Amino acid sequence: RMPLNGRNLISLVAMQPGVVSNLPSTLGVGLQSLQLVYVNGQRASQNNWMLDGADNNDAGSNLGLINYVNVDAVSEVKILRANYNAEFGRAAGGIINIVSKSGTNQFHGNVYKFFRNARLDARNTFATGQLKDPPFKRNQPGFTIGGPILQDRTFFFAGYEGLFRRESAIT
């Protein structure tokens, strides 16, 4: 397992050569904000995000909605940056395919809680002696479970991850 700050799957994508990621933008979808990915200098809207081989792009902005995939429910992250086959089409940037886990003949799963708060963070370098760091609390509980429905024939896999964030910029 790789430690990912905020359990953000896009951190894995951004580690590839030729891939640049910005800080989370203000383009908000629900309570999340989109993190844009630029592959080989192309715009973020030129990428084709896929989930298990099917398109996973927002129809309006053509930005991937992969931020909402539970990291523990992902089996593999494939990134094609250049010279990909015509079967992928339509993308001048990269092809990012997220492969989800599937169930097996045995029941398996996990339960977790990722937390981070101001006590675990280093003090702000630019804060003066009288100013305190702003309060910050982040909790991400979740679980995954998978197993058989019909032995050797039909399987299931499900996952959930919540995000509870309490922070402010000013104390």
Protein backbone atom coordinates (compact mmCIF):
# COMPACT_ATOMS: atom_id res chain seq x y z
CA ARG A 1 0.00 0.00 0.00
CA MET A 2 1.15 3.50 -0.80
CA PRO A 3 0.53 6.37 1.59
CA LEU A 4 -1.61 8.94 -0.20
CA ASN A 5 -2.24 12.32 1.37
CA GLY A 6 -5.99 12.65 1.76
CA ARG A 7 -6.42 9.18 0.20
CA ASN A 8 -6.52 10.85 -3.22
CA LEU A 9 -6.22 8.44 -6.14
CA ILE A 10 -4.98 11.19 -8.48
CA SER A 11 -1.73 11.25 -6.49
CA LEU A 12 -0.90 7.91 -8.14
CA VAL A 13 -1.58 9.33 -11.61
CA ALA A 14 0.59 12.39 -10.96
CA MET A 15 3.67 10.23 -10.20
CA GLN A 16 4.02 9.20 -13.85
CA PRO A 17 6.55 10.90 -16.17
CA GLY A 18 4.95 13.58 -18.33
CA VAL A 19 2.04 14.06 -15.93
CA VAL A 20 1.52 17.28 -13.98
CA SER A 21 -1.22 17.88 -11.45
CA ASN A 22 -2.37 21.15 -9.94
CA LEU A 23 -3.54 21.78 -6.42
CA PRO A 24 -7.26 21.12 -5.96
CA SER A 25 -9.12 23.78 -7.89
CA THR A 26 -12.22 25.67 -6.92
CA LEU A 27 -14.32 23.72 -9.41
CA GLY A 28 -16.47 22.02 -6.82
CA VAL A 29 -18.69 19.00 -7.36
CA GLY A 30 -20.63 18.41 -4.19
CA LEU A 31 -18.24 18.75 -1.27
CA GLN A 32 -15.23 17.64 -3.30
CA SER A 33 -13.03 19.77 -5.53
CA LEU A 34 -11.61 18.56 -8.80
CA GLN A 35 -7.90 18.08 -9.18
CA LEU A 36 -6.80 18.67 -12.76
CA VAL A 37 -4.25 16.44 -14.50
CA TYR A 38 -2.22 17.50 -17.52
CA VAL A 39 -0.59 14.74 -19.59
CA ASN A 40 2.22 15.59 -22.02
CA GLY A 41 1.31 19.27 -21.98
CA GLN A 42 -2.30 18.81 -23.08
CA ARG A 43 -5.29 20.40 -21.37
CA ALA A 44 -6.98 18.53 -18.56
CA SER A 45 -10.13 18.21 -20.69
CA GLN A 46 -8.14 16.27 -23.33
CA ASN A 47 -7.73 13.22 -21.08
CA ASN A 48 -9.99 10.22 -21.27
CA TRP A 49 -10.81 8.89 -17.79
CA MET A 50 -12.08 5.32 -17.80
CA LEU A 51 -13.42 3.09 -15.04
CA ASP A 52 -13.10 -0.62 -15.87
CA GLY A 53 -12.77 0.26 -19.57
CA ALA A 54 -15.88 2.48 -19.76
CA ASP A 55 -15.81 6.28 -20.10
CA ASN A 56 -15.93 8.12 -16.77
CA ASN A 57 -15.96 11.73 -17.97
CA ASP A 58 -18.24 14.61 -17.07
CA ALA A 59 -20.32 15.43 -20.15
CA GLY A 60 -20.22 19.19 -19.57
CA SER A 61 -16.57 19.85 -18.75
CA ASN A 62 -15.07 16.57 -20.05
CA LEU A 63 -13.10 16.29 -16.81
CA GLY A 64 -12.74 12.93 -15.14
CA LEU A 65 -14.86 12.20 -12.08
CA ILE A 66 -12.42 9.63 -10.80
CA ASN A 67 -11.99 11.57 -7.52
CA TYR A 68 -14.94 9.67 -6.15
CA VAL A 69 -13.41 6.20 -6.36
CA ASN A 70 -12.49 4.64 -3.01
CA VAL A 71 -8.73 3.93 -3.05
CA ASP A 72 -9.26 0.56 -1.33
CA ALA A 73 -11.66 -0.48 -4.10
CA VAL A 74 -9.02 0.01 -6.83
CA SER A 75 -7.01 -2.91 -8.12
CA GLU A 76 -4.93 -1.16 -10.79
CA VAL A 77 -4.25 2.26 -12.33
CA LYS A 78 -3.16 2.22 -15.97
CA ILE A 79 -1.99 5.37 -17.73
CA LEU A 80 -1.34 5.53 -21.46
CA ARG A 81 0.56 8.71 -22.28
CA ALA A 82 1.42 8.27 -25.97
CA ASN A 83 1.11 5.93 -28.94
CA TYR A 84 -2.10 4.27 -27.81
CA ASN A 85 -4.37 2.30 -30.13
CA ALA A 86 -7.28 3.78 -32.05
CA GLU A 87 -9.69 1.84 -29.84
CA PHE A 88 -9.25 4.55 -27.20
CA GLY A 89 -9.79 7.47 -29.62
CA ARG A 90 -10.88 11.03 -28.85
CA ALA A 91 -8.11 11.93 -26.39
CA ALA A 92 -5.09 14.07 -27.21
CA GLY A 93 -3.83 13.86 -23.61
CA GLY A 94 -3.70 10.63 -21.67
CA ILE A 95 -5.87 7.58 -21.22
CA ILE A 96 -6.32 6.92 -17.50
CA ASN A 97 -8.02 3.59 -16.79
CA ILE A 98 -8.92 2.71 -13.21
CA VAL A 99 -9.55 -1.01 -12.68
CA SER A 100 -11.76 -1.81 -9.70
CA LYS A 101 -11.47 -4.86 -7.48
CA SER A 102 -13.90 -7.72 -7.79
CA GLY A 103 -15.26 -10.34 -5.44
CA THR A 104 -13.82 -13.83 -5.03
CA ASN A 105 -15.00 -17.17 -3.66
CA GLN A 106 -13.99 -16.08 -0.14
CA PHE A 107 -15.44 -13.16 1.78
CA HIS A 108 -12.90 -10.41 2.35
CA GLY A 109 -12.87 -6.75 3.23
CA ASN A 110 -11.50 -4.09 5.52
CA VAL A 111 -12.56 -1.24 7.75
CA TYR A 112 -10.44 1.87 8.21
CA LYS A 113 -10.38 5.41 9.48
CA PHE A 114 -7.82 7.86 8.14
CA PHE A 115 -7.50 10.94 10.31
CA ARG A 116 -5.40 14.06 10.34
CA ASN A 117 -5.58 17.07 12.61
CA ALA A 118 -3.68 20.24 13.51
CA ARG A 119 -1.75 18.47 16.29
CA LEU A 120 -0.14 16.17 13.72
CA ASP A 121 0.89 19.01 11.38
CA ALA A 122 4.02 21.11 11.59
CA ARG A 123 3.67 24.75 12.58
CA ASN A 124 3.20 27.24 9.76
CA THR A 125 6.60 28.70 8.90
CA PHE A 126 5.20 32.14 8.12
CA ALA A 127 3.00 32.48 11.22
CA THR A 128 4.16 35.05 13.73
CA GLY A 129 4.57 34.18 17.39
CA GLN A 130 1.13 35.52 18.37
CA LEU A 131 -0.88 33.82 15.63
CA LYS A 132 -1.94 30.22 16.05
CA ASP A 133 -2.41 27.79 13.23
CA PRO A 134 -6.04 27.56 12.09
CA PRO A 135 -8.01 24.57 13.37
CA PHE A 136 -7.92 21.54 11.09
CA LYS A 137 -9.61 18.16 11.47
CA ARG A 138 -10.07 15.59 8.72
CA ASN A 139 -11.63 12.15 9.13
CA GLN A 140 -12.14 9.63 6.36
CA PRO A 141 -13.84 6.45 7.55
CA GLY A 142 -14.64 3.66 5.15
CA PHE A 143 -14.91 -0.01 4.39
CA THR A 144 -14.80 -2.54 1.56
CA ILE A 145 -16.38 -5.96 1.34
CA GLY A 146 -16.44 -8.61 -1.36
CA GLY A 147 -17.41 -12.22 -1.74
CA PRO A 148 -19.47 -14.80 -3.61
CA ILE A 149 -23.15 -14.64 -4.46
CA LEU A 150 -23.10 -17.98 -6.32
CA GLN A 151 -19.98 -20.08 -5.74
CA ASP A 152 -17.61 -19.94 -8.79
CA ARG A 153 -20.16 -17.90 -10.81
CA THR A 154 -21.29 -14.56 -9.41
CA PHE A 155 -19.42 -12.22 -7.11
CA PHE A 156 -19.89 -8.82 -5.51
CA PHE A 157 -17.60 -6.08 -4.26
CA ALA A 158 -18.63 -2.82 -2.59
CA GLY A 159 -16.88 0.03 -0.86
CA TYR A 160 -17.72 3.24 0.98
CA GLU A 161 -15.62 6.19 2.02
CA GLY A 162 -16.84 9.29 3.85
CA LEU A 163 -15.11 12.63 4.29
CA PHE A 164 -15.63 14.82 7.31
CA ARG A 165 -13.53 17.98 7.16
CA ARG A 166 -13.50 20.88 9.62
CA GLU A 167 -11.06 23.65 8.87
CA SER A 168 -10.82 27.40 8.59
CA ALA A 169 -8.35 29.81 7.06
CA ILE A 170 -8.58 32.40 9.82
CA THR A 171 -8.37 31.86 13.58
